[in-house]
């Protein structure tokens, strides 16, 4: 799913970077200052909830919208993601068109944006 999402977003003109764990996601957000973070909640080392809280605790990164992407469809997971600071939550498997809609809602059409 991630490879397809990257292919579609890049084809639409978005610049995308991939972190392999939560700590790397926080470090990369500090380095790249993206317009949007798509956060898998099941990341190793530091999960997506912890990484989101770390982003929101940093004044330089707190305004970056974070979209939770989760395989968890449990009652309360959406609320937990929103409480951690996520702006929205997509549940896997999601439709690519839904992902594109969410990205465009937060950062607009690609025009040299980063996601």
PDB file of N, CA and C in Angstrom:
ATOM      1  N   UNK A   1       0.824  -1.186   0.000  1.00  0.00           N
ATOM      2  CA  UNK A   1       0.000   0.000   0.000  1.00  0.00           C
ATOM      3  C   UNK A   1       0.873   1.257   0.000  1.00  0.00           C
ATOM      4  N   UNK A   2       1.960   1.231   0.791  1.00  0.00           N
ATOM      5  CA  UNK A   2       2.840   2.400   0.868  1.00  0.00           C
ATOM      6  C   UNK A   2       3.468   2.705  -0.482  1.00  0.00           C
ATOM      7  N   UNK A   3       3.924   1.674  -1.180  1.00  0.00           N
ATOM      8  CA  UNK A   3       4.562   1.893  -2.487  1.00  0.00           C
ATOM      9  C   UNK A   3       3.578   2.504  -3.478  1.00  0.00           C
ATOM     10  N   UNK A   4       2.344   2.024  -3.469  1.00  0.00           N
ATOM     11  CA  UNK A   4       1.332   2.573  -4.369  1.00  0.00           C
ATOM     12  C   UNK A   4       1.032   4.020  -4.000  1.00  0.00           C
ATOM     13  N   UNK A   5       0.907   4.305  -2.721  1.00  0.00           N
ATOM     14  CA  UNK A   5       0.632   5.680  -2.275  1.00  0.00           C
ATOM     15  C   UNK A   5       1.760   6.611  -2.707  1.00  0.00           C
ATOM     16  N   UNK A   6       3.001   6.184  -2.510  1.00  0.00           N
ATOM     17  CA  UNK A   6       4.145   6.996  -2.929  1.00  0.00           C
ATOM     18  C   UNK A   6       4.126   7.243  -4.434  1.00  0.00           C
ATOM     19  N   UNK A   7       3.865   6.196  -5.197  1.00  0.00           N
ATOM     20  CA  UNK A   7       3.841   6.318  -6.654  1.00  0.00           C
ATOM     21  C   UNK A   7       2.782   7.331  -7.083  1.00  0.00           C
ATOM     22  N   UNK A   8       1.599   7.237  -6.520  1.00  0.00           N
ATOM     23  CA  UNK A   8       0.500   8.141  -6.894  1.00  0.00           C
ATOM     24  C   UNK A   8       0.811   9.575  -6.469  1.00  0.00           C
ATOM     25  N   UNK A   9       1.258   9.761  -5.228  1.00  0.00           N
ATOM     26  CA  UNK A   9       1.550  11.120  -4.751  1.00  0.00           C
ATOM     27  C   UNK A   9       2.683  11.761  -5.549  1.00  0.00           C
ATOM     28  N   UNK A  10       3.731  10.991  -5.824  1.00  0.00           N
ATOM     29  CA  UNK A  10       4.836  11.540  -6.620  1.00  0.00           C
ATOM     30  C   UNK A  10       4.391  11.854  -8.046  1.00  0.00           C
ATOM     31  N   UNK A  11       3.545  11.000  -8.630  1.00  0.00           N
ATOM     32  CA  UNK A  11       3.034  11.246  -9.983  1.00  0.00           C
ATOM     33  C   UNK A  11       2.193  12.523 -10.027  1.00  0.00           C
ATOM     34  N   UNK A  12       1.584  12.879  -8.906  1.00  0.00           N
ATOM     35  CA  UNK A  12       0.782  14.099  -8.829  1.00  0.00           C
ATOM     36  C   UNK A  12       1.643  15.320  -8.514  1.00  0.00           C
ATOM     37  N   UNK A  13       2.962  15.103  -8.349  1.00  0.00           N
ATOM     38  CA  UNK A  13       3.868  16.222  -8.145  1.00  0.00           C
ATOM     39  C   UNK A  13       4.285  16.492  -6.712  1.00  0.00           C
ATOM     40  N   UNK A  14       3.879  15.626  -5.781  1.00  0.00           N
ATOM     41  CA  UNK A  14       4.279  15.820  -4.386  1.00  0.00           C
ATOM     42  C   UNK A  14       5.665  15.228  -4.150  1.00  0.00           C
ATOM     43  N   UNK A  15       6.440  15.894  -3.318  1.00  0.00           N
ATOM     44  CA  UNK A  15       7.740  15.386  -2.892  1.00  0.00           C
ATOM     45  C   UNK A  15       7.496  14.573  -1.621  1.00  0.00           C
ATOM     46  N   UNK A  16       7.962  13.338  -1.608  1.00  0.00           N
ATOM     47  CA  UNK A  16       7.701  12.443  -0.480  1.00  0.00           C
ATOM     48  C   UNK A  16       8.993  11.846   0.054  1.00  0.00           C
ATOM     49  N   UNK A  17       9.088  11.755   1.363  1.00  0.00           N
ATOM     50  CA  UNK A  17      10.191  11.082   2.041  1.00  0.00           C
ATOM     51  C   UNK A  17       9.589   9.986   2.908  1.00  0.00           C
ATOM     52  N   UNK A  18      10.332   8.909   3.144  1.00  0.00           N
ATOM     53  CA  UNK A  18       9.818   7.787   3.922  1.00  0.00           C
ATOM     54  C   UNK A  18      10.704   7.545   5.142  1.00  0.00           C
ATOM     55  N   UNK A  19      10.080   7.486   6.308  1.00  0.00           N
ATOM     56  CA  UNK A  19      10.771   7.109   7.547  1.00  0.00           C
ATOM     57  C   UNK A  19      10.422   5.649   7.835  1.00  0.00           C
ATOM     58  N   UNK A  20      11.355   4.931   8.429  1.00  0.00           N
ATOM     59  CA  UNK A  20      11.146   3.508   8.692  1.00  0.00           C
ATOM     60  C   UNK A  20      10.795   3.214  10.141  1.00  0.00           C
ATOM     61  N   UNK A  21      10.842   4.231  10.979  1.00  0.00           N
ATOM     62  CA  UNK A  21      10.426   4.073  12.370  1.00  0.00           C
ATOM     63  C   UNK A  21      10.034   5.449  12.919  1.00  0.00           C
ATOM     64  N   UNK A  22       9.433   5.459  14.091  1.00  0.00           N
ATOM     65  CA  UNK A  22       8.946   6.710  14.659  1.00  0.00           C
ATOM     66  C   UNK A  22      10.038   7.726  14.956  1.00  0.00           C
ATOM     67  N   UNK A  23      11.151   7.264  15.464  1.00  0.00           N
ATOM     68  CA  UNK A  23      12.255   8.201  15.766  1.00  0.00           C
ATOM     69  C   UNK A  23      12.752   8.875  14.483  1.00  0.00           C
ATOM     70  N   UNK A  24      12.893   8.079  13.447  1.00  0.00           N
ATOM     71  CA  UNK A  24      13.334   8.618  12.159  1.00  0.00           C
ATOM     72  C   UNK A  24      12.291   9.602  11.612  1.00  0.00           C
ATOM     73  N   UNK A  25      11.011   9.324  11.816  1.00  0.00           N
ATOM     74  CA  UNK A  25       9.947  10.231  11.352  1.00  0.00           C
ATOM     75  C   UNK A  25      10.083  11.600  12.011  1.00  0.00           C
ATOM     76  N   UNK A  26      10.338  11.625  13.312  1.00  0.00           N
ATOM     77  CA  UNK A  26      10.486  12.893  14.029  1.00  0.00           C
ATOM     78  C   UNK A  26      11.736  13.626  13.543  1.00  0.00           C
ATOM     79  N   UNK A  27      12.836  12.892  13.389  1.00  0.00           N
ATOM     80  CA  UNK A  27      14.084  13.499  12.924  1.00  0.00           C
ATOM     81  C   UNK A  27      13.924  14.064  11.517  1.00  0.00           C
ATOM     82  N   UNK A  28      13.274  13.300  10.643  1.00  0.00           N
ATOM     83  CA  UNK A  28      13.095  13.750   9.261  1.00  0.00           C
ATOM     84  C   UNK A  28      12.162  14.957   9.177  1.00  0.00           C
ATOM     85  N   UNK A  29      11.151  14.996  10.016  1.00  0.00           N
ATOM     86  CA  UNK A  29      10.247  16.157  10.032  1.00  0.00           C
ATOM     87  C   UNK A  29      11.019  17.412  10.430  1.00  0.00           C
ATOM     88  N   UNK A  30      11.934  17.267  11.380  1.00  0.00           N
ATOM     89  CA  UNK A  30      12.758  18.402  11.781  1.00  0.00           C
ATOM     90  C   UNK A  30      13.686  18.863  10.675  1.00  0.00           C
ATOM     91  N   UNK A  31      14.182  17.917   9.906  1.00  0.00           N
ATOM     92  CA  UNK A  31      15.124  18.239   8.834  1.00  0.00           C
ATOM     93  C   UNK A  31      14.424  18.776   7.580  1.00  0.00           C
ATOM     94  N   UNK A  32      13.318  18.156   7.186  1.00  0.00           N
ATOM     95  CA  UNK A  32      12.663  18.508   5.921  1.00  0.00           C
ATOM     96  C   UNK A  32      11.529  19.517   6.061  1.00  0.00           C
ATOM     97  N   UNK A  33      10.970  19.672   7.261  1.00  0.00           N
ATOM     98  CA  UNK A  33       9.834  20.593   7.485  1.00  0.00           C
ATOM     99  C   UNK A  33       8.725  20.365   6.442  1.00  0.00           C
ATOM    100  N   UNK A  34       8.141  19.174   6.420  1.00  0.00           N
ATOM    101  CA  UNK A  34       7.126  18.872   5.407  1.00  0.00           C
ATOM    102  C   UNK A  34       5.841  19.668   5.633  1.00  0.00           C
ATOM    103  N   UNK A  35       5.052  19.778   4.580  1.00  0.00           N
ATOM    104  CA  UNK A  35       3.755  20.441   4.671  1.00  0.00           C
ATOM    105  C   UNK A  35       2.733  19.532   5.355  1.00  0.00           C
ATOM    106  N   UNK A  36       3.021  18.222   5.387  1.00  0.00           N
ATOM    107  CA  UNK A  36       2.094  17.228   5.917  1.00  0.00           C
ATOM    108  C   UNK A  36       2.883  15.977   6.278  1.00  0.00           C
ATOM    109  N   UNK A  37       2.458  15.285   7.337  1.00  0.00           N
ATOM    110  CA  UNK A  37       3.053  13.998   7.703  1.00  0.00           C
ATOM    111  C   UNK A  37       1.962  12.937   7.643  1.00  0.00           C
ATOM    112  N   UNK A  38       2.225  11.865   6.897  1.00  0.00           N
ATOM    113  CA  UNK A  38       1.364  10.683   6.890  1.00  0.00           C
ATOM    114  C   UNK A  38       2.011   9.704   7.851  1.00  0.00           C
ATOM    115  N   UNK A  39       1.372   9.444   8.992  1.00  0.00           N
ATOM    116  CA  UNK A  39       1.988   8.702  10.093  1.00  0.00           C
ATOM    117  C   UNK A  39       1.341   7.339  10.284  1.00  0.00           C
ATOM    118  N   UNK A  40       2.095   6.290   9.985  1.00  0.00           N
ATOM    119  CA  UNK A  40       1.643   4.941  10.307  1.00  0.00           C
ATOM    120  C   UNK A  40       1.714   4.805  11.827  1.00  0.00           C
ATOM    121  N   UNK A  41       0.641   4.355  12.444  1.00  0.00           N
ATOM    122  CA  UNK A  41       0.628   4.274  13.908  1.00  0.00           C
ATOM    123  C   UNK A  41       1.357   3.044  14.437  1.00  0.00           C
ATOM    124  N   UNK A  42       1.675   2.074  13.572  1.00  0.00           N
ATOM    125  CA  UNK A  42       2.336   0.845  14.005  1.00  0.00           C
ATOM    126  C   UNK A  42       3.818   0.828  13.641  1.00  0.00           C
ATOM    127  N   UNK A  43       4.508   1.928  13.862  1.00  0.00           N
ATOM    128  CA  UNK A  43       5.933   2.001  13.553  1.00  0.00           C
ATOM    129  C   UNK A  43       6.768   1.358  14.656  1.00  0.00           C
ATOM    130  N   UNK A  44       7.933   0.789  14.301  1.00  0.00           N
ATOM    131  CA  UNK A  44       8.833   0.254  15.326  1.00  0.00           C
ATOM    132  C   UNK A  44       9.597   1.367  16.044  1.00  0.00           C
ATOM    133  N   UNK A  45      10.245   1.012  17.121  1.00  0.00           N
ATOM    134  CA  UNK A  45      11.088   1.887  17.958  1.00  0.00           C
ATOM    135  C   UNK A  45      10.285   2.932  18.712  1.00  0.00           C
ATOM    136  N   UNK A  46       9.525   3.733  18.006  1.00  0.00           N
ATOM    137  CA  UNK A  46       8.629   4.726  18.608  1.00  0.00           C
ATOM    138  C   UNK A  46       7.358   4.644  17.764  1.00  0.00           C
ATOM    139  N   UNK A  47       6.222   4.287  18.386  1.00  0.00           N
ATOM    140  CA  UNK A  47       5.025   4.124  17.562  1.00  0.00           C
ATOM    141  C   UNK A  47       4.512   5.468  17.057  1.00  0.00           C
ATOM    142  N   UNK A  48       3.540   5.431  16.175  1.00  0.00           N
ATOM    143  CA  UNK A  48       3.025   6.636  15.551  1.00  0.00           C
ATOM    144  C   UNK A  48       2.396   7.614  16.525  1.00  0.00           C
ATOM    145  N   UNK A  49       1.752   7.100  17.568  1.00  0.00           N
ATOM    146  CA  UNK A  49       1.171   7.990  18.580  1.00  0.00           C
ATOM    147  C   UNK A  49       2.280   8.767  19.295  1.00  0.00           C
ATOM    148  N   UNK A  50       3.330   8.045  19.694  1.00  0.00           N
ATOM    149  CA  UNK A  50       4.458   8.698  20.381  1.00  0.00           C
ATOM    150  C   UNK A  50       5.154   9.690  19.454  1.00  0.00           C
ATOM    151  N   UNK A  51       5.354   9.306  18.201  1.00  0.00           N
ATOM    152  CA  UNK A  51       6.016  10.199  17.251  1.00  0.00           C
ATOM    153  C   UNK A  51       5.166  11.455  17.011  1.00  0.00           C
ATOM    154  N   UNK A  52       3.867  11.283  16.922  1.00  0.00           N
ATOM    155  CA  UNK A  52       2.983  12.438  16.739  1.00  0.00           C
ATOM    156  C   UNK A  52       3.054  13.361  17.943  1.00  0.00           C
ATOM    157  N   UNK A  53       3.024  12.796  19.137  1.00  0.00           N
ATOM    158  CA  UNK A  53       3.135  13.631  20.347  1.00  0.00           C
ATOM    159  C   UNK A  53       4.468  14.379  20.369  1.00  0.00           C
ATOM    160  N   UNK A  54       5.542  13.727  19.916  1.00  0.00           N
ATOM    161  CA  UNK A  54       6.855  14.391  19.867  1.00  0.00           C
ATOM    162  C   UNK A  54       6.835  15.541  18.866  1.00  0.00           C
ATOM    163  N   UNK A  55       6.211  15.343  17.717  1.00  0.00           N
ATOM    164  CA  UNK A  55       6.113  16.419  16.723  1.00  0.00           C
ATOM    165  C   UNK A  55       5.318  17.590  17.286  1.00  0.00           C
ATOM    166  N   UNK A  56       4.210  17.296  17.937  1.00  0.00           N
ATOM    167  CA  UNK A  56       3.334  18.349  18.452  1.00  0.00           C
ATOM    168  C   UNK A  56       3.958  19.068  19.652  1.00  0.00           C
ATOM    169  N   UNK A  57       4.906  18.424  20.329  1.00  0.00           N
ATOM    170  CA  UNK A  57       5.585  19.046  21.469  1.00  0.00           C
ATOM    171  C   UNK A  57       6.691  20.004  21.040  1.00  0.00           C
ATOM    172  N   UNK A  58       7.113  19.918  19.781  1.00  0.00           N
ATOM    173  CA  UNK A  58       8.179  20.779  19.262  1.00  0.00           C
ATOM    174  C   UNK A  58       7.538  22.002  18.609  1.00  0.00           C
ATOM    175  N   UNK A  59       7.746  23.199  19.157  1.00  0.00           N
ATOM    176  CA  UNK A  59       7.108  24.394  18.588  1.00  0.00           C
ATOM    177  C   UNK A  59       7.396  24.601  17.102  1.00  0.00           C
ATOM    178  N   UNK A  60       8.537  24.168  16.627  1.00  0.00           N
ATOM    179  CA  UNK A  60       8.889  24.339  15.221  1.00  0.00           C
ATOM    180  C   UNK A  60       8.133  23.367  14.312  1.00  0.00           C
ATOM    181  N   UNK A  61       7.588  22.302  14.885  1.00  0.00           N
ATOM    182  CA  UNK A  61       6.923  21.274  14.081  1.00  0.00           C
ATOM    183  C   UNK A  61       5.435  21.128  14.402  1.00  0.00           C
ATOM    184  N   UNK A  62       4.992  21.753  15.461  1.00  0.00           N
ATOM    185  CA  UNK A  62       3.637  21.539  15.972  1.00  0.00           C
ATOM    186  C   UNK A  62       2.529  21.873  14.979  1.00  0.00           C
ATOM    187  N   UNK A  63       2.756  22.805  14.080  1.00  0.00           N
ATOM    188  CA  UNK A  63       1.713  23.215  13.135  1.00  0.00           C
ATOM    189  C   UNK A  63       1.579  22.276  11.937  1.00  0.00           C
ATOM    190  N   UNK A  64       2.508  21.340  11.774  1.00  0.00           N
ATOM    191  CA  UNK A  64       2.439  20.407  10.643  1.00  0.00           C
ATOM    192  C   UNK A  64       1.277  19.440  10.869  1.00  0.00           C
ATOM    193  N   UNK A  65       0.327  19.367   9.937  1.00  0.00           N
ATOM    194  CA  UNK A  65      -0.767  18.403  10.092  1.00  0.00           C
ATOM    195  C   UNK A  65      -0.219  16.980  10.005  1.00  0.00           C
ATOM    196  N   UNK A  66      -0.748  16.110  10.860  1.00  0.00           N
ATOM    197  CA  UNK A  66      -0.368  14.697  10.862  1.00  0.00           C
ATOM    198  C   UNK A  66      -1.625  13.883  10.572  1.00  0.00           C
ATOM    199  N   UNK A  67      -1.549  13.047   9.554  1.00  0.00           N
ATOM    200  CA  UNK A  67      -2.642  12.159   9.204  1.00  0.00           C
ATOM    201  C   UNK A  67      -2.257  10.756   9.651  1.00  0.00           C
ATOM    202  N   UNK A  68      -3.028  10.204  10.588  1.00  0.00           N
ATOM    203  CA  UNK A  68      -2.771   8.849  11.075  1.00  0.00           C
ATOM    204  C   UNK A  68      -3.210   7.843  10.023  1.00  0.00           C
ATOM    205  N   UNK A  69      -2.364   6.844   9.818  1.00  0.00           N
ATOM    206  CA  UNK A  69      -2.705   5.724   8.937  1.00  0.00           C
ATOM    207  C   UNK A  69      -2.565   4.472   9.780  1.00  0.00           C
ATOM    208  N   UNK A  70      -3.664   3.749   9.925  1.00  0.00           N
ATOM    209  CA  UNK A  70      -3.665   2.629  10.846  1.00  0.00           C
ATOM    210  C   UNK A  70      -4.382   1.410  10.291  1.00  0.00           C
ATOM    211  N   UNK A  71      -3.920   0.251  10.700  1.00  0.00           N
ATOM    212  CA  UNK A  71      -4.609  -0.997  10.390  1.00  0.00           C
ATOM    213  C   UNK A  71      -5.582  -1.312  11.524  1.00  0.00           C
ATOM    214  N   UNK A  72      -5.508  -0.550  12.597  1.00  0.00           N
ATOM    215  CA  UNK A  72      -6.375  -0.762  13.756  1.00  0.00           C
ATOM    216  C   UNK A  72      -7.737  -0.143  13.495  1.00  0.00           C
ATOM    217  N   UNK A  73      -8.758  -0.971  13.491  1.00  0.00           N
ATOM    218  CA  UNK A  73     -10.119  -0.448  13.298  1.00  0.00           C
ATOM    219  C   UNK A  73     -10.893  -0.582  14.607  1.00  0.00           C
ATOM    220  N   UNK A  74     -10.174  -0.586  15.694  1.00  0.00           N
ATOM    221  CA  UNK A  74     -10.798  -0.758  17.003  1.00  0.00           C
ATOM    222  C   UNK A  74     -11.524   0.520  17.415  1.00  0.00           C
ATOM    223  N   UNK A  75     -12.599   0.329  18.151  1.00  0.00           N
ATOM    224  CA  UNK A  75     -13.329   1.475  18.694  1.00  0.00           C
ATOM    225  C   UNK A  75     -12.374   2.272  19.573  1.00  0.00           C
ATOM    226  N   UNK A  76     -12.325   3.565  19.367  1.00  0.00           N
ATOM    227  CA  UNK A  76     -11.469   4.428  20.165  1.00  0.00           C
ATOM    228  C   UNK A  76     -10.128   4.746  19.547  1.00  0.00           C
ATOM    229  N   UNK A  77      -9.700   3.991  18.525  1.00  0.00           N
ATOM    230  CA  UNK A  77      -8.396   4.265  17.899  1.00  0.00           C
ATOM    231  C   UNK A  77      -8.375   5.632  17.229  1.00  0.00           C
ATOM    232  N   UNK A  78      -9.463   5.990  16.563  1.00  0.00           N
ATOM    233  CA  UNK A  78      -9.532   7.304  15.922  1.00  0.00           C
ATOM    234  C   UNK A  78      -9.419   8.399  16.971  1.00  0.00           C
ATOM    235  N   UNK A  79     -10.139   8.240  18.064  1.00  0.00           N
ATOM    236  CA  UNK A  79     -10.101   9.231  19.136  1.00  0.00           C
ATOM    237  C   UNK A  79      -8.712   9.315  19.759  1.00  0.00           C
ATOM    238  N   UNK A  80      -8.050   8.173  19.916  1.00  0.00           N
ATOM    239  CA  UNK A  80      -6.688   8.153  20.462  1.00  0.00           C
ATOM    240  C   UNK A  80      -5.732   8.885  19.525  1.00  0.00           C
ATOM    241  N   UNK A  81      -5.879   8.653  18.222  1.00  0.00           N
ATOM    242  CA  UNK A  81      -5.021   9.331  17.240  1.00  0.00           C
ATOM    243  C   UNK A  81      -5.255  10.840  17.276  1.00  0.00           C
ATOM    244  N   UNK A  82      -6.512  11.250  17.337  1.00  0.00           N
ATOM    245  CA  UNK A  82      -6.820  12.679  17.384  1.00  0.00           C
ATOM    246  C   UNK A  82      -6.307  13.297  18.678  1.00  0.00           C
ATOM    247  N   UNK A  83      -6.430  12.572  19.787  1.00  0.00           N
ATOM    248  CA  UNK A  83      -5.932  13.075  21.071  1.00  0.00           C
ATOM    249  C   UNK A  83      -4.415  13.225  21.062  1.00  0.00           C
ATOM    250  N   UNK A  84      -3.717  12.378  20.298  1.00  0.00           N
ATOM    251  CA  UNK A  84      -2.255  12.464  20.198  1.00  0.00           C
ATOM    252  C   UNK A  84      -1.823  13.656  19.356  1.00  0.00           C
ATOM    253  N   UNK A  85      -2.763  14.243  18.605  1.00  0.00           N
ATOM    254  CA  UNK A  85      -2.436  15.398  17.784  1.00  0.00           C
ATOM    255  C   UNK A  85      -2.650  15.204  16.302  1.00  0.00           C
ATOM    256  N   UNK A  86      -3.128  14.033  15.899  1.00  0.00           N
ATOM    257  CA  UNK A  86      -3.393  13.795  14.481  1.00  0.00           C
ATOM    258  C   UNK A  86      -4.590  14.631  14.040  1.00  0.00           C
ATOM    259  N   UNK A  87      -4.538  15.097  12.817  1.00  0.00           N
ATOM    260  CA  UNK A  87      -5.634  15.895  12.262  1.00  0.00           C
ATOM    261  C   UNK A  87      -6.759  15.017  11.742  1.00  0.00           C
ATOM    262  N   UNK A  88      -6.392  13.866  11.203  1.00  0.00           N
ATOM    263  CA  UNK A  88      -7.354  12.913  10.656  1.00  0.00           C
ATOM    264  C   UNK A  88      -6.776  11.521  10.769  1.00  0.00           C
ATOM    265  N   UNK A  89      -7.634  10.530  10.475  1.00  0.00           N
ATOM    266  CA  UNK A  89      -7.218   9.132  10.565  1.00  0.00           C
ATOM    267  C   UNK A  89      -7.754   8.371   9.359  1.00  0.00           C
ATOM    268  N   UNK A  90      -6.869   7.669   8.645  1.00  0.00           N
ATOM    269  CA  UNK A  90      -7.259   6.780   7.555  1.00  0.00           C
ATOM    270  C   UNK A  90      -7.010   5.351   8.016  1.00  0.00           C
ATOM    271  N   UNK A  91      -7.974   4.469   7.777  1.00  0.00           N
ATOM    272  CA  UNK A  91      -7.832   3.074   8.178  1.00  0.00           C
ATOM    273  C   UNK A  91      -7.475   2.231   6.963  1.00  0.00           C
ATOM    274  N   UNK A  92      -6.442   1.392   7.116  1.00  0.00           N
ATOM    275  CA  UNK A  92      -6.031   0.474   6.056  1.00  0.00           C
ATOM    276  C   UNK A  92      -7.056  -0.665   5.987  1.00  0.00           C
ATOM    277  N   UNK A  93      -7.355  -1.175   4.839  1.00  0.00           N
ATOM    278  CA  UNK A  93      -6.924  -0.655   3.546  1.00  0.00           C
ATOM    279  C   UNK A  93      -7.785   0.550   3.168  1.00  0.00           C
ATOM    280  N   UNK A  94      -7.141   1.587   2.719  1.00  0.00           N
ATOM    281  CA  UNK A  94      -7.865   2.780   2.290  1.00  0.00           C
ATOM    282  C   UNK A  94      -7.806   2.861   0.771  1.00  0.00           C
ATOM    283  N   UNK A  95      -8.705   3.626   0.223  1.00  0.00           N
ATOM    284  CA  UNK A  95      -8.705   3.860  -1.219  1.00  0.00           C
ATOM    285  C   UNK A  95      -7.696   4.972  -1.517  1.00  0.00           C
ATOM    286  N   UNK A  96      -6.897   4.815  -2.555  1.00  0.00           N
ATOM    287  CA  UNK A  96      -5.897   5.823  -2.916  1.00  0.00           C
ATOM    288  C   UNK A  96      -6.558   7.180  -3.140  1.00  0.00           C
ATOM    289  N   UNK A  97      -7.741   7.187  -3.733  1.00  0.00           N
ATOM    290  CA  UNK A  97      -8.437   8.449  -3.972  1.00  0.00           C
ATOM    291  C   UNK A  97      -8.734   9.161  -2.648  1.00  0.00           C
ATOM    292  N   UNK A  98      -9.003   8.409  -1.581  1.00  0.00           N
ATOM    293  CA  UNK A  98      -9.241   9.015  -0.270  1.00  0.00           C
ATOM    294  C   UNK A  98      -7.964   9.635   0.281  1.00  0.00           C
ATOM    295  N   UNK A  99      -6.836   8.956   0.084  1.00  0.00           N
ATOM    296  CA  UNK A  99      -5.558   9.502   0.519  1.00  0.00           C
ATOM    297  C   UNK A  99      -5.250  10.801  -0.222  1.00  0.00           C
ATOM    298  N   UNK A 100      -5.439  10.805  -1.528  1.00  0.00           N
ATOM    299  CA  UNK A 100      -5.173  12.006  -2.326  1.00  0.00           C
ATOM    300  C   UNK A 100      -6.077  13.145  -1.861  1.00  0.00           C
ATOM    301  N   UNK A 101      -7.344  12.851  -1.605  1.00  0.00           N
ATOM    302  CA  UNK A 101      -8.270  13.875  -1.125  1.00  0.00           C
ATOM    303  C   UNK A 101      -7.795  14.494   0.186  1.00  0.00           C
ATOM    304  N   UNK A 102      -7.339  13.651   1.111  1.00  0.00           N
ATOM    305  CA  UNK A 102      -6.860  14.148   2.407  1.00  0.00           C
ATOM    306  C   UNK A 102      -5.615  15.010   2.209  1.00  0.00           C
ATOM    307  N   UNK A 103      -4.673  14.546   1.409  1.00  0.00           N
ATOM    308  CA  UNK A 103      -3.455  15.324   1.151  1.00  0.00           C
ATOM    309  C   UNK A 103      -3.823  16.674   0.543  1.00  0.00           C
ATOM    310  N   UNK A 104      -4.687  16.666  -0.453  1.00  0.00           N
ATOM    311  CA  UNK A 104      -5.077  17.924  -1.100  1.00  0.00           C
ATOM    312  C   UNK A 104      -5.831  18.842  -0.145  1.00  0.00           C
ATOM    313  N   UNK A 105      -6.605  18.282   0.761  1.00  0.00           N
ATOM    314  CA  UNK A 105      -7.340  19.100   1.733  1.00  0.00           C
ATOM    315  C   UNK A 105      -6.385  19.883   2.629  1.00  0.00           C
ATOM    316  N   UNK A 106      -5.255  19.265   2.989  1.00  0.00           N
ATOM    317  CA  UNK A 106      -4.329  19.911   3.915  1.00  0.00           C
ATOM    318  C   UNK A 106      -3.254  20.748   3.239  1.00  0.00           C
ATOM    319  N   UNK A 107      -2.816  20.343   2.056  1.00  0.00           N
ATOM    320  CA  UNK A 107      -1.719  21.088   1.422  1.00  0.00           C
ATOM    321  C   UNK A 107      -2.053  21.627   0.037  1.00  0.00           C
ATOM    322  N   UNK A 108      -3.236  21.323  -0.460  1.00  0.00           N
ATOM    323  CA  UNK A 108      -3.620  21.792  -1.788  1.00  0.00           C
ATOM    324  C   UNK A 108      -2.988  20.948  -2.878  1.00  0.00           C
ATOM    325  N   UNK A 109      -3.242  21.321  -4.114  1.00  0.00           N
ATOM    326  CA  UNK A 109      -2.622  20.606  -5.232  1.00  0.00           C
ATOM    327  C   UNK A 109      -1.095  20.692  -5.149  1.00  0.00           C
ATOM    328  N   UNK A 110      -0.423  19.768  -5.774  1.00  0.00           N
ATOM    329  CA  UNK A 110       1.019  19.581  -5.606  1.00  0.00           C
ATOM    330  C   UNK A 110       1.883  20.824  -5.724  1.00  0.00           C
ATOM    331  N   UNK A 111       1.796  21.610  -6.742  1.00  0.00           N
ATOM    332  CA  UNK A 111       2.586  22.846  -6.904  1.00  0.00           C
ATOM    333  C   UNK A 111       3.799  22.954  -5.977  1.00  0.00           C
ATOM    334  N   UNK A 112       4.704  21.983  -6.064  1.00  0.00           N
ATOM    335  CA  UNK A 112       5.966  21.984  -5.297  1.00  0.00           C
ATOM    336  C   UNK A 112       5.748  21.841  -3.795  1.00  0.00           C
ATOM    337  N   UNK A 113       4.688  21.166  -3.370  1.00  0.00           N
ATOM    338  CA  UNK A 113       4.459  20.902  -1.944  1.00  0.00           C
ATOM    339  C   UNK A 113       5.208  19.630  -1.548  1.00  0.00           C
ATOM    340  N   UNK A 114       5.378  19.432  -0.257  1.00  0.00           N
ATOM    341  CA  UNK A 114       5.964  18.197   0.260  1.00  0.00           C
ATOM    342  C   UNK A 114       4.933  17.480   1.095  1.00  0.00           C
ATOM    343  N   UNK A 115       4.868  16.170   0.959  1.00  0.00           N
ATOM    344  CA  UNK A 115       3.965  15.365   1.786  1.00  0.00           C
ATOM    345  C   UNK A 115       4.771  14.283   2.458  1.00  0.00           C
TER     346      UNK A 115
END
